[in-house]
Structures are given as structure tokens and as C-alpha cells.
Amino acid sequence: MTWESGSTDQQRLRAGYAVLSIGLMVLVFAWGMAVWRGPQGEGAVAVRHEKLDPPEPDRILPVVGAGMVLSGVCLVGVLALSVVAFLRISRRYRDQILRPPARPSQTAGVWEMHQVPDDLDEDGGGDEGDAP
């Protein structure tokens, strides 16, 4: 069990799969609606204003549907990769924040030994440099 959300990694994985499957269902539903409610025009008009024969739906719909499915799969892939990257970065950041402080090294006391002289003027110089 993790301390920040109160859920196990298995529960998070199940929730992620549920969200991914819902997203894929929405994508398939949108594609189906686009194909079902597609334009049913009388035909395309050419530049010469002559009526052309309508394109065959058997050739157009599979190409459009395949393009929509391919772009949807690409978007879902990018989403999945970004979620994985975000999870790795957030876990590594959390581990870095929660780790214990580093033990002092042998040279850690060097800066503690450095003492500023007490007889410094406001301009940063000592008393020896005042004489002309």
C-alpha cells in the first residue's frame, strides 16, 4: 500500500486499464458515428461545375475508417507513453524527496573551519590597508 493515495499498485493498474479501455471504446464509438452519419450528398462538383459521380462507399469508407483508427491508436500510444513516463518521474522524485540525508564526508568540515576575521571594515578590507 502506498502512503499518498491509500491504494495498492495492483489497484492503480486495474484503474489504468479501465480508463484505457473506456478511451478505446469512446474512440471506436466516435469512428462508428462518423461513418454512420457521414455525408450522403448527390455527388461532388468539379471546378467546371459539372456533376461528378459520387465516390463508391466501398472504397472511401475503409480508407477513412483506417485513417481514423490509425490516428486514434497513435494518440492512445502517445498517451500511454506519457503516463508511463510521468509515473516513472514521479516515483523517482518521491524516492529522492523521502531518502534520508547524506552522511557527512571527510571534507564536510572544511567550510565550518573557515572563519571570517572580526576586524573587517564595511568595505571588506582589513585594518592593514588603511595607511597611505
Protein backbone atom coordinates (compact mmCIF):
# COMPACT_ATOMS: atom_id res chain seq x y z
CA MET A 1 0.00 0.00 0.00
CA THR A 2 1.32 3.42 -0.84
CA TRP A 3 1.10 6.22 1.65
CA GLU A 4 -0.06 9.07 -0.60
CA SER A 5 -3.22 7.61 -2.10
CA GLY A 6 -4.17 4.62 0.04
CA SER A 7 -4.30 2.19 -2.90
CA THR A 8 -2.01 -0.60 -3.97
CA ASP A 9 -0.15 -0.72 -7.25
CA GLN A 10 -2.45 -3.53 -8.41
CA GLN A 11 -5.49 -1.30 -7.86
CA ARG A 12 -3.80 1.51 -9.78
CA LEU A 13 -3.03 -0.86 -12.64
CA ARG A 14 -6.65 -2.01 -12.79
CA ALA A 15 -7.87 1.59 -12.79
CA GLY A 16 -5.43 2.44 -15.59
CA TYR A 17 -6.66 -0.48 -17.69
CA ALA A 18 -10.26 0.58 -17.07
CA VAL A 19 -9.54 4.15 -18.19
CA LEU A 20 -7.64 2.88 -21.25
CA SER A 21 -10.49 0.55 -22.27
CA ILE A 22 -13.06 3.33 -21.81
CA GLY A 23 -10.94 5.60 -24.00
CA LEU A 24 -10.73 2.94 -26.72
CA MET A 25 -14.49 2.42 -26.56
CA VAL A 26 -15.06 6.15 -26.97
CA LEU A 27 -12.69 6.15 -29.95
CA VAL A 28 -14.49 3.25 -31.64
CA PHE A 29 -17.87 4.87 -30.91
CA ALA A 30 -16.71 8.16 -32.45
CA TRP A 31 -15.45 6.37 -35.53
CA GLY A 32 -18.75 4.50 -35.87
CA MET A 33 -20.74 7.72 -35.55
CA ALA A 34 -18.57 9.42 -38.16
CA VAL A 35 -19.08 6.57 -40.61
CA TRP A 36 -22.79 6.24 -39.88
CA ARG A 37 -23.55 9.98 -40.05
CA GLY A 38 -21.20 10.68 -42.96
CA PRO A 39 -22.25 12.90 -45.85
CA GLN A 40 -24.86 11.46 -48.16
CA GLY A 41 -24.59 14.05 -50.93
CA GLU A 42 -25.69 13.76 -54.55
CA GLY A 43 -22.11 13.97 -55.77
CA ALA A 44 -19.11 16.20 -55.85
CA VAL A 45 -18.99 19.26 -58.07
CA ALA A 46 -15.90 19.74 -60.23
CA VAL A 47 -14.19 23.03 -60.99
CA ARG A 48 -16.06 23.18 -64.29
CA HIS A 49 -19.34 22.92 -62.39
CA GLU A 50 -20.11 19.55 -63.86
CA LYS A 51 -21.63 16.94 -61.65
CA LEU A 52 -19.38 14.01 -60.92
CA ASP A 53 -20.39 10.54 -59.97
CA PRO A 54 -20.36 10.00 -56.21
CA PRO A 55 -17.40 8.03 -54.92
CA GLU A 56 -18.01 4.42 -54.15
CA PRO A 57 -18.59 3.96 -50.44
CA ASP A 58 -16.87 0.58 -50.60
CA ARG A 59 -13.61 2.35 -51.47
CA ILE A 60 -13.88 5.54 -49.39
CA LEU A 61 -15.17 4.31 -46.02
CA PRO A 62 -12.45 1.73 -45.35
CA VAL A 63 -9.73 4.28 -46.10
CA VAL A 64 -11.30 6.95 -43.88
CA GLY A 65 -12.02 4.43 -41.14
CA ALA A 66 -8.48 3.05 -41.27
CA GLY A 67 -7.08 6.58 -41.05
CA MET A 68 -9.23 7.36 -38.05
CA VAL A 69 -8.30 4.13 -36.29
CA LEU A 70 -4.60 4.64 -37.05
CA SER A 71 -4.63 8.20 -35.73
CA GLY A 72 -6.56 7.08 -32.64
CA VAL A 73 -4.08 4.28 -31.97
CA CYS A 74 -1.21 6.77 -32.32
CA LEU A 75 -2.88 9.15 -29.86
CA VAL A 76 -3.54 6.36 -27.36
CA GLY A 77 0.09 5.23 -27.74
CA VAL A 78 1.37 8.72 -27.05
CA LEU A 79 -0.95 8.94 -24.03
CA ALA A 80 0.25 5.59 -22.69
CA LEU A 81 3.92 6.55 -23.12
CA SER A 82 3.38 9.89 -21.40
CA VAL A 83 1.57 8.22 -18.49
CA VAL A 84 4.40 5.70 -18.06
CA ALA A 85 6.99 8.50 -18.20
CA PHE A 86 5.04 10.58 -15.69
CA LEU A 87 4.75 7.64 -13.29
CA ARG A 88 8.48 6.87 -13.51
CA ILE A 89 9.42 10.50 -12.97
CA SER A 90 7.02 10.96 -10.07
CA ARG A 91 8.18 7.77 -8.33
CA ARG A 92 11.82 8.69 -8.75
CA TYR A 93 11.11 12.21 -7.47
CA ARG A 94 9.24 10.81 -4.46
CA ASP A 95 12.12 8.45 -3.67
CA GLN A 96 14.55 11.32 -3.94
CA ILE A 97 12.48 13.50 -1.60
CA LEU A 98 11.96 10.77 1.00
CA ARG A 99 15.51 9.44 1.15
CA PRO A 100 17.48 10.12 4.32
CA PRO A 101 20.03 12.93 4.27
CA ALA A 102 23.51 12.04 3.11
CA ARG A 103 26.17 11.25 5.69
CA PRO A 104 28.81 13.94 6.03
CA SER A 105 32.00 13.24 4.14
CA GLN A 106 35.58 13.78 5.32
CA THR A 107 35.72 17.19 3.68
CA ALA A 108 32.40 18.45 5.03
CA GLY A 109 34.07 20.20 7.97
CA VAL A 110 36.31 22.34 5.75
CA TRP A 111 33.69 25.08 5.39
CA GLU A 112 32.94 25.01 9.11
CA MET A 113 36.62 25.70 9.82
CA HIS A 114 36.58 28.82 7.65
CA GLN A 115 36.20 31.88 9.87
CA VAL A 116 35.81 35.46 8.72
CA PRO A 117 38.17 37.84 10.57
CA ASP A 118 36.41 40.03 13.13
CA ASP A 119 38.32 43.23 12.25
CA LEU A 120 36.90 43.75 8.72
CA ASP A 121 35.70 47.20 7.71
CA GLU A 122 32.43 47.83 5.90
CA ASP A 123 34.21 47.97 2.54
CA GLY A 124 35.55 44.46 3.07
CA GLY A 125 39.18 45.37 3.73
CA GLY A 126 41.22 44.83 6.86
CA ASP A 127 42.97 47.39 9.10
CA GLU A 128 46.41 46.91 7.48
CA GLY A 129 45.48 48.52 4.14
CA ASP A 130 44.33 51.89 5.59
CA ALA A 131 47.75 53.54 5.73
CA PRO A 132 48.92 55.52 2.65
